Amino acid sequence: MNTPSSRRTLNSTQRKNPAMCQHQPPCPSADSADREAARLTVHHPEQGWSLLCNGVLLFEDTGELLPDGQIIAPHRPSAGRIMKVA
């Protein structure tokens, strides 16, 4: 099968991203404020990243890469704001 339609490829804007989360109730979406509460699907602590079921790539430094390519800068609390547990 070597027709023009069989050789056609989809560019990144044409690709369909199916919903990753199959949990009930579903995990927060990637554009929700609480997106980090989604469940882990892949975890690589030796490489410093994890993939959440909503498609968010979460980095060890608390930075994030959203499925749409948006970058969320690391948001660690400053040293003066860390709470001590007694």
PDB file of N, CA and C in Angstrom:
ATOM      1  N   MET A   1       0.854  -1.172   0.000  1.00  0.00           N
ATOM      2  CA  MET A   1       0.000   0.000   0.000  1.00  0.00           C
ATOM      3  C   MET A   1       0.895   1.229   0.000  1.00  0.00           C
ATOM      4  N   ASN A   2       0.957   1.866  -1.134  1.00  0.00           N
ATOM      5  CA  ASN A   2       1.850   3.006  -1.285  1.00  0.00           C
ATOM      6  C   ASN A   2       1.099   4.158  -1.933  1.00  0.00           C
ATOM      7  N   THR A   3      -0.038   4.495  -1.378  1.00  0.00           N
ATOM      8  CA  THR A   3      -0.837   5.596  -1.900  1.00  0.00           C
ATOM      9  C   THR A   3      -0.450   6.871  -1.169  1.00  0.00           C
ATOM     10  N   PRO A   4      -0.729   8.026  -1.760  1.00  0.00           N
ATOM     11  CA  PRO A   4      -0.406   9.289  -1.079  1.00  0.00           C
ATOM     12  C   PRO A   4      -1.019   9.387   0.315  1.00  0.00           C
ATOM     13  N   SER A   5      -2.229   8.863   0.484  1.00  0.00           N
ATOM     14  CA  SER A   5      -2.868   8.959   1.795  1.00  0.00           C
ATOM     15  C   SER A   5      -2.198   8.051   2.819  1.00  0.00           C
ATOM     16  N   SER A   6      -1.600   6.931   2.380  1.00  0.00           N
ATOM     17  CA  SER A   6      -0.925   6.040   3.325  1.00  0.00           C
ATOM     18  C   SER A   6       0.425   6.594   3.749  1.00  0.00           C
ATOM     19  N   ARG A   7       1.003   7.478   2.945  1.00  0.00           N
ATOM     20  CA  ARG A   7       2.298   8.082   3.282  1.00  0.00           C
ATOM     21  C   ARG A   7       2.153   9.375   4.069  1.00  0.00           C
ATOM     22  N   ARG A   8       0.953   9.851   4.228  1.00  0.00           N
ATOM     23  CA  ARG A   8       0.715  11.107   4.912  1.00  0.00           C
ATOM     24  C   ARG A   8       1.041  10.966   6.401  1.00  0.00           C
ATOM     25  N   THR A   9       1.694  11.963   6.935  1.00  0.00           N
ATOM     26  CA  THR A   9       1.982  11.981   8.375  1.00  0.00           C
ATOM     27  C   THR A   9       1.295  13.178   9.000  1.00  0.00           C
ATOM     28  N   LEU A  10       1.043  13.068  10.271  1.00  0.00           N
ATOM     29  CA  LEU A  10       0.394  14.158  10.995  1.00  0.00           C
ATOM     30  C   LEU A  10       1.449  15.032  11.638  1.00  0.00           C
ATOM     31  N   ASN A  11       1.277  16.342  11.535  1.00  0.00           N
ATOM     32  CA  ASN A  11       2.195  17.217  12.257  1.00  0.00           C
ATOM     33  C   ASN A  11       1.709  17.350  13.694  1.00  0.00           C
ATOM     34  N   SER A  12       2.483  18.039  14.531  1.00  0.00           N
ATOM     35  CA  SER A  12       2.182  18.091  15.958  1.00  0.00           C
ATOM     36  C   SER A  12       0.829  18.737  16.269  1.00  0.00           C
ATOM     37  N   THR A  13       0.362  19.640  15.420  1.00  0.00           N
ATOM     38  CA  THR A  13      -0.931  20.264  15.697  1.00  0.00           C
ATOM     39  C   THR A  13      -2.090  19.375  15.268  1.00  0.00           C
ATOM     40  N   GLN A  14      -1.811  18.362  14.447  1.00  0.00           N
ATOM     41  CA  GLN A  14      -2.855  17.463  13.984  1.00  0.00           C
ATOM     42  C   GLN A  14      -2.975  16.217  14.851  1.00  0.00           C
ATOM     43  N   ARG A  15      -1.969  15.902  15.643  1.00  0.00           N
ATOM     44  CA  ARG A  15      -2.006  14.699  16.457  1.00  0.00           C
ATOM     45  C   ARG A  15      -3.095  14.808  17.506  1.00  0.00           C
ATOM     46  N   LYS A  16      -3.725  13.695  17.759  1.00  0.00           N
ATOM     47  CA  LYS A  16      -4.752  13.664  18.786  1.00  0.00           C
ATOM     48  C   LYS A  16      -4.159  13.057  20.041  1.00  0.00           C
ATOM     49  N   ASN A  17      -4.350  13.729  21.169  1.00  0.00           N
ATOM     50  CA  ASN A  17      -3.879  13.232  22.448  1.00  0.00           C
ATOM     51  C   ASN A  17      -5.078  12.707  23.220  1.00  0.00           C
ATOM     52  N   PRO A  18      -5.197  11.385  23.316  1.00  0.00           N
ATOM     53  CA  PRO A  18      -6.335  10.853  24.066  1.00  0.00           C
ATOM     54  C   PRO A  18      -6.205  11.181  25.537  1.00  0.00           C
ATOM     55  N   ALA A  19      -7.329  11.229  26.221  1.00  0.00           N
ATOM     56  CA  ALA A  19      -7.310  11.474  27.660  1.00  0.00           C
ATOM     57  C   ALA A  19      -6.528  10.353  28.321  1.00  0.00           C
ATOM     58  N   MET A  20      -5.551  10.706  29.133  1.00  0.00           N
ATOM     59  CA  MET A  20      -4.700   9.706  29.755  1.00  0.00           C
ATOM     60  C   MET A  20      -5.332   9.135  31.016  1.00  0.00           C
ATOM     61  N   CYS A  21      -6.024   9.941  31.768  1.00  0.00           N
ATOM     62  CA  CYS A  21      -6.546   9.519  33.064  1.00  0.00           C
ATOM     63  C   CYS A  21      -7.802   8.674  32.898  1.00  0.00           C
ATOM     64  N   GLN A  22      -7.754   7.487  33.461  1.00  0.00           N
ATOM     65  CA  GLN A  22      -8.902   6.593  33.438  1.00  0.00           C
ATOM     66  C   GLN A  22      -9.461   6.386  34.849  1.00  0.00           C
ATOM     67  N   HIS A  23      -8.993   7.185  35.822  1.00  0.00           N
ATOM     68  CA  HIS A  23      -9.413   7.027  37.208  1.00  0.00           C
ATOM     69  C   HIS A  23     -10.814   7.591  37.434  1.00  0.00           C
ATOM     70  N   GLN A  24     -11.478   7.072  38.454  1.00  0.00           N
ATOM     71  CA  GLN A  24     -12.784   7.578  38.859  1.00  0.00           C
ATOM     72  C   GLN A  24     -12.728   7.938  40.328  1.00  0.00           C
ATOM     73  N   PRO A  25     -12.946   9.148  40.728  1.00  0.00           N
ATOM     74  CA  PRO A  25     -13.148  10.315  39.874  1.00  0.00           C
ATOM     75  C   PRO A  25     -11.853  10.652  39.146  1.00  0.00           C
ATOM     76  N   PRO A  26     -11.969  11.308  37.996  1.00  0.00           N
ATOM     77  CA  PRO A  26     -10.772  11.605  37.210  1.00  0.00           C
ATOM     78  C   PRO A  26      -9.829  12.564  37.935  1.00  0.00           C
ATOM     79  N   CYS A  27      -8.561  12.421  37.634  1.00  0.00           N
ATOM     80  CA  CYS A  27      -7.546  13.314  38.207  1.00  0.00           C
ATOM     81  C   CYS A  27      -7.721  14.720  37.637  1.00  0.00           C
ATOM     82  N   PRO A  28      -7.156  15.725  38.314  1.00  0.00           N
ATOM     83  CA  PRO A  28      -7.235  17.097  37.794  1.00  0.00           C
ATOM     84  C   PRO A  28      -6.587  17.195  36.412  1.00  0.00           C
ATOM     85  N   SER A  29      -7.142  18.012  35.568  1.00  0.00           N
ATOM     86  CA  SER A  29      -6.591  18.186  34.225  1.00  0.00           C
ATOM     87  C   SER A  29      -5.294  18.980  34.285  1.00  0.00           C
ATOM     88  N   ALA A  30      -4.568  18.968  33.185  1.00  0.00           N
ATOM     89  CA  ALA A  30      -3.276  19.655  33.116  1.00  0.00           C
ATOM     90  C   ALA A  30      -3.418  21.164  33.258  1.00  0.00           C
ATOM     91  N   ASP A  31      -4.577  21.716  32.956  1.00  0.00           N
ATOM     92  CA  ASP A  31      -4.757  23.165  33.087  1.00  0.00           C
ATOM     93  C   ASP A  31      -5.411  23.570  34.407  1.00  0.00           C
ATOM     94  N   SER A  32      -5.615  22.611  35.311  1.00  0.00           N
ATOM     95  CA  SER A  32      -6.167  22.913  36.637  1.00  0.00           C
ATOM     96  C   SER A  32      -5.074  23.415  37.567  1.00  0.00           C
ATOM     97  N   ALA A  33      -5.462  24.219  38.540  1.00  0.00           N
ATOM     98  CA  ALA A  33      -4.497  24.726  39.523  1.00  0.00           C
ATOM     99  C   ALA A  33      -3.898  23.589  40.349  1.00  0.00           C
ATOM    100  N   ASP A  34      -4.661  22.521  40.549  1.00  0.00           N
ATOM    101  CA  ASP A  34      -4.178  21.394  41.357  1.00  0.00           C
ATOM    102  C   ASP A  34      -3.683  20.228  40.490  1.00  0.00           C
ATOM    103  N   ARG A  35      -3.134  20.535  39.303  1.00  0.00           N
ATOM    104  CA  ARG A  35      -2.687  19.506  38.352  1.00  0.00           C
ATOM    105  C   ARG A  35      -1.657  18.546  38.938  1.00  0.00           C
ATOM    106  N   GLU A  36      -0.883  18.992  39.938  1.00  0.00           N
ATOM    107  CA  GLU A  36       0.152  18.141  40.537  1.00  0.00           C
ATOM    108  C   GLU A  36      -0.443  17.019  41.387  1.00  0.00           C
ATOM    109  N   ALA A  37      -1.755  17.057  41.649  1.00  0.00           N
ATOM    110  CA  ALA A  37      -2.410  16.023  42.444  1.00  0.00           C
ATOM    111  C   ALA A  37      -2.757  14.783  41.614  1.00  0.00           C
ATOM    112  N   ALA A  38      -2.519  14.828  40.316  1.00  0.00           N
ATOM    113  CA  ALA A  38      -2.794  13.667  39.465  1.00  0.00           C
ATOM    114  C   ALA A  38      -1.852  12.520  39.828  1.00  0.00           C
ATOM    115  N   ARG A  39      -2.273  11.314  39.510  1.00  0.00           N
ATOM    116  CA  ARG A  39      -1.480  10.126  39.839  1.00  0.00           C
ATOM    117  C   ARG A  39      -0.272   9.977  38.927  1.00  0.00           C
ATOM    118  N   LEU A  40       0.780   9.375  39.467  1.00  0.00           N
ATOM    119  CA  LEU A  40       1.978   9.090  38.690  1.00  0.00           C
ATOM    120  C   LEU A  40       1.715   7.953  37.714  1.00  0.00           C
ATOM    121  N   THR A  41       2.218   8.095  36.498  1.00  0.00           N
ATOM    122  CA  THR A  41       2.172   6.986  35.556  1.00  0.00           C
ATOM    123  C   THR A  41       3.573   6.457  35.308  1.00  0.00           C
ATOM    124  N   VAL A  42       4.558   7.355  35.301  1.00  0.00           N
ATOM    125  CA  VAL A  42       5.958   6.982  35.130  1.00  0.00           C
ATOM    126  C   VAL A  42       6.771   7.807  36.114  1.00  0.00           C
ATOM    127  N   HIS A  43       7.702   7.158  36.802  1.00  0.00           N
ATOM    128  CA  HIS A  43       8.507   7.861  37.805  1.00  0.00           C
ATOM    129  C   HIS A  43       9.967   7.485  37.615  1.00  0.00           C
ATOM    130  N   HIS A  44      10.816   8.468  37.365  1.00  0.00           N
ATOM    131  CA  HIS A  44      12.248   8.248  37.175  1.00  0.00           C
ATOM    132  C   HIS A  44      13.032   9.188  38.096  1.00  0.00           C
ATOM    133  N   PRO A  45      13.084   8.871  39.402  1.00  0.00           N
ATOM    134  CA  PRO A  45      13.799   9.754  40.331  1.00  0.00           C
ATOM    135  C   PRO A  45      15.286   9.869  40.009  1.00  0.00           C
ATOM    136  N   GLU A  46      15.873   8.829  39.416  1.00  0.00           N
ATOM    137  CA  GLU A  46      17.287   8.885  39.057  1.00  0.00           C
ATOM    138  C   GLU A  46      17.553   9.893  37.948  1.00  0.00           C
ATOM    139  N   GLN A  47      16.518  10.227  37.189  1.00  0.00           N
ATOM    140  CA  GLN A  47      16.630  11.225  36.123  1.00  0.00           C
ATOM    141  C   GLN A  47      15.976  12.545  36.511  1.00  0.00           C
ATOM    142  N   GLY A  48      15.248  12.558  37.630  1.00  0.00           N
ATOM    143  CA  GLY A  48      14.678  13.792  38.139  1.00  0.00           C
ATOM    144  C   GLY A  48      13.343  14.200  37.548  1.00  0.00           C
ATOM    145  N   TRP A  49      12.560  13.248  37.040  1.00  0.00           N
ATOM    146  CA  TRP A  49      11.262  13.606  36.475  1.00  0.00           C
ATOM    147  C   TRP A  49      10.238  12.511  36.688  1.00  0.00           C
ATOM    148  N   SER A  50       8.971  12.918  36.573  1.00  0.00           N
ATOM    149  CA  SER A  50       7.836  12.001  36.661  1.00  0.00           C
ATOM    150  C   SER A  50       6.769  12.465  35.679  1.00  0.00           C
ATOM    151  N   LEU A  51       6.024  11.507  35.141  1.00  0.00           N
ATOM    152  CA  LEU A  51       4.906  11.810  34.252  1.00  0.00           C
ATOM    153  C   LEU A  51       3.621  11.523  35.009  1.00  0.00           C
ATOM    154  N   LEU A  52       2.738  12.503  35.045  1.00  0.00           N
ATOM    155  CA  LEU A  52       1.447  12.339  35.706  1.00  0.00           C
ATOM    156  C   LEU A  52       0.411  11.881  34.684  1.00  0.00           C
ATOM    157  N   CYS A  53      -0.677  11.305  35.155  1.00  0.00           N
ATOM    158  CA  CYS A  53      -1.680  10.752  34.238  1.00  0.00           C
ATOM    159  C   CYS A  53      -2.419  11.828  33.441  1.00  0.00           C
ATOM    160  N   ASN A  54      -2.284  13.080  33.818  1.00  0.00           N
ATOM    161  CA  ASN A  54      -2.902  14.165  33.054  1.00  0.00           C
ATOM    162  C   ASN A  54      -1.952  14.719  31.988  1.00  0.00           C
ATOM    163  N   GLY A  55      -0.788  14.077  31.817  1.00  0.00           N
ATOM    164  CA  GLY A  55       0.149  14.482  30.779  1.00  0.00           C
ATOM    165  C   GLY A  55       1.189  15.477  31.219  1.00  0.00           C
ATOM    166  N   VAL A  56       1.165  15.897  32.471  1.00  0.00           N
ATOM    167  CA  VAL A  56       2.131  16.864  32.995  1.00  0.00           C
ATOM    168  C   VAL A  56       3.436  16.143  33.308  1.00  0.00           C
ATOM    169  N   LEU A  57       4.531  16.700  32.835  1.00  0.00           N
ATOM    170  CA  LEU A  57       5.856  16.205  33.159  1.00  0.00           C
ATOM    171  C   LEU A  57       6.348  17.042  34.328  1.00  0.00           C
ATOM    172  N   LEU A  58       6.537  16.405  35.467  1.00  0.00           N
ATOM    173  CA  LEU A  58       6.892  17.081  36.706  1.00  0.00           C
ATOM    174  C   LEU A  58       8.372  16.820  36.987  1.00  0.00           C
ATOM    175  N   PHE A  59       9.139  17.885  37.195  1.00  0.00           N
ATOM    176  CA  PHE A  59      10.572  17.761  37.433  1.00  0.00           C
ATOM    177  C   PHE A  59      10.896  17.874  38.917  1.00  0.00           C
ATOM    178  N   GLU A  60      12.022  17.292  39.288  1.00  0.00           N
ATOM    179  CA  GLU A  60      12.471  17.264  40.681  1.00  0.00           C
ATOM    180  C   GLU A  60      12.580  18.667  41.292  1.00  0.00           C
ATOM    181  N   ASP A  61      12.930  19.657  40.490  1.00  0.00           N
ATOM    182  CA  ASP A  61      13.086  21.020  40.996  1.00  0.00           C
ATOM    183  C   ASP A  61      11.754  21.758  41.104  1.00  0.00           C
ATOM    184  N   THR A  62      10.649  21.060  40.922  1.00  0.00           N
ATOM    185  CA  THR A  62       9.260  21.529  40.947  1.00  0.00           C
ATOM    186  C   THR A  62       8.845  22.279  39.684  1.00  0.00           C
ATOM    187  N   GLY A  63       9.687  22.287  38.671  1.00  0.00           N
ATOM    188  CA  GLY A  63       9.277  22.818  37.376  1.00  0.00           C
ATOM    189  C   GLY A  63       8.363  21.819  36.691  1.00  0.00           C
ATOM    190  N   GLU A  64       7.607  22.298  35.708  1.00  0.00           N
ATOM    191  CA  GLU A  64       6.654  21.438  35.013  1.00  0.00           C
ATOM    192  C   GLU A  64       6.647  21.750  33.524  1.00  0.00           C
ATOM    193  N   LEU A  65       6.346  20.735  32.745  1.00  0.00           N
ATOM    194  CA  LEU A  65       6.111  20.892  31.319  1.00  0.00           C
ATOM    195  C   LEU A  65       4.712  20.355  31.055  1.00  0.00           C
ATOM    196  N   LEU A  66       3.834  21.229  30.585  1.00  0.00           N
ATOM    197  CA  LEU A  66       2.438  20.840  30.343  1.00  0.00           C
ATOM    198  C   LEU A  66       2.317  20.188  28.969  1.00  0.00           C
ATOM    199  N   PRO A  67       1.274  19.401  28.745  1.00  0.00           N
ATOM    200  CA  PRO A  67       1.117  18.712  27.463  1.00  0.00           C
ATOM    201  C   PRO A  67       1.071  19.638  26.254  1.00  0.00           C
ATOM    202  N   ASP A  68       0.635  20.879  26.443  1.00  0.00           N
ATOM    203  CA  ASP A  68       0.577  21.821  25.327  1.00  0.00           C
ATOM    204  C   ASP A  68       1.909  22.523  25.068  1.00  0.00           C
ATOM    205  N   GLY A  69       2.949  22.149  25.844  1.00  0.00           N
ATOM    206  CA  GLY A  69       4.280  22.737  25.668  1.00  0.00           C
ATOM    207  C   GLY A  69       4.570  23.904  26.592  1.00  0.00           C
ATOM    208  N   GLN A  70       3.588  24.337  27.351  1.00  0.00           N
ATOM    209  CA  GLN A  70       3.792  25.445  28.286  1.00  0.00           C
ATOM    210  C   GLN A  70       4.743  25.018  29.397  1.00  0.00           C
ATOM    211  N   ILE A  71       5.641  25.902  29.768  1.00  0.00           N
ATOM    212  CA  ILE A  71       6.618  25.641  30.824  1.00  0.00           C
ATOM    213  C   ILE A  71       6.189  26.360  32.091  1.00  0.00           C
ATOM    214  N   ILE A  72       6.194  25.652  33.203  1.00  0.00           N
ATOM    215  CA  ILE A  72       5.928  26.236  34.512  1.00  0.00           C
ATOM    216  C   ILE A  72       7.251  26.241  35.256  1.00  0.00           C
ATOM    217  N   ALA A  73       7.711  27.432  35.626  1.00  0.00           N
ATOM    218  CA  ALA A  73       8.999  27.565  36.310  1.00  0.00           C
ATOM    219  C   ALA A  73       8.960  26.887  37.675  1.00  0.00           C
ATOM    220  N   PRO A  74      10.115  26.440  38.158  1.00  0.00           N
ATOM    221  CA  PRO A  74      10.170  25.845  39.499  1.00  0.00           C
ATOM    222  C   PRO A  74       9.567  26.793  40.531  1.00  0.00           C
ATOM    223  N   HIS A  75       8.864  26.228  41.491  1.00  0.00           N
ATOM    224  CA  HIS A  75       8.182  27.058  42.492  1.00  0.00           C
ATOM    225  C   HIS A  75       8.413  26.507  43.895  1.00  0.00           C
ATOM    226  N   ARG A  76       9.677  26.311  44.212  1.00  0.00           N
ATOM    227  CA  ARG A  76      10.039  25.863  45.557  1.00  0.00           C
ATOM    228  C   ARG A  76       9.782  26.987  46.547  1.00  0.00           C
ATOM    229  N   PRO A  77       9.406  26.640  47.774  1.00  0.00           N
ATOM    230  CA  PRO A  77       9.257  27.702  48.785  1.00  0.00           C
ATOM    231  C   PRO A  77      10.633  28.259  49.137  1.00  0.00           C
ATOM    232  N   SER A  78      10.664  29.549  49.453  1.00  0.00           N
ATOM    233  CA  SER A  78      11.940  30.149  49.845  1.00  0.00           C
ATOM    234  C   SER A  78      12.328  29.652  51.233  1.00  0.00           C
ATOM    235  N   ALA A  79      13.599  29.779  51.587  1.00  0.00           N
ATOM    236  CA  ALA A  79      14.121  29.257  52.862  1.00  0.00           C
ATOM    237  C   ALA A  79      13.376  29.852  54.057  1.00  0.00           C
ATOM    238  N   GLY A  80      12.943  31.081  53.966  1.00  0.00           N
ATOM    239  CA  GLY A  80      12.243  31.723  55.070  1.00  0.00           C
ATOM    240  C   GLY A  80      10.817  31.239  55.238  1.00  0.00           C
ATOM    241  N   ARG A  81      10.285  30.542  54.241  1.00  0.00           N
ATOM    242  CA  ARG A  81       8.889  30.114  54.281  1.00  0.00           C
ATOM    243  C   ARG A  81       8.741  28.637  54.595  1.00  0.00           C
ATOM    244  N   ILE A  82       9.825  27.926  54.765  1.00  0.00           N
ATOM    245  CA  ILE A  82       9.739  26.493  55.065  1.00  0.00           C
ATOM    246  C   ILE A  82       9.252  26.303  56.483  1.00  0.00           C
ATOM    247  N   MET A  83       8.257  25.458  56.639  1.00  0.00           N
ATOM    248  CA  MET A  83       7.704  25.205  57.956  1.00  0.00           C
ATOM    249  C   MET A  83       8.450  24.040  58.612  1.00  0.00           C
ATOM    250  N   LYS A  84       8.758  24.179  59.855  1.00  0.00           N
ATOM    251  CA  LYS A  84       9.422  23.114  60.585  1.00  0.00           C
ATOM    252  C   LYS A  84       8.383  22.287  61.316  1.00  0.00           C
ATOM    253  N   VAL A  85       8.585  20.975  61.272  1.00  0.00           N
ATOM    254  CA  VAL A  85       7.684  20.057  61.965  1.00  0.00           C
ATOM    255  C   VAL A  85       8.285  19.761  63.330  1.00  0.00           C
ATOM    256  N   ALA A  86       7.494  19.979  64.370  1.00  0.00           N
ATOM    257  CA  ALA A  86       7.999  19.761  65.731  1.00  0.00           C
ATOM    258  C   ALA A  86       7.827  18.337  66.172  1.00  0.00           C
TER     259      ALA A  86
END
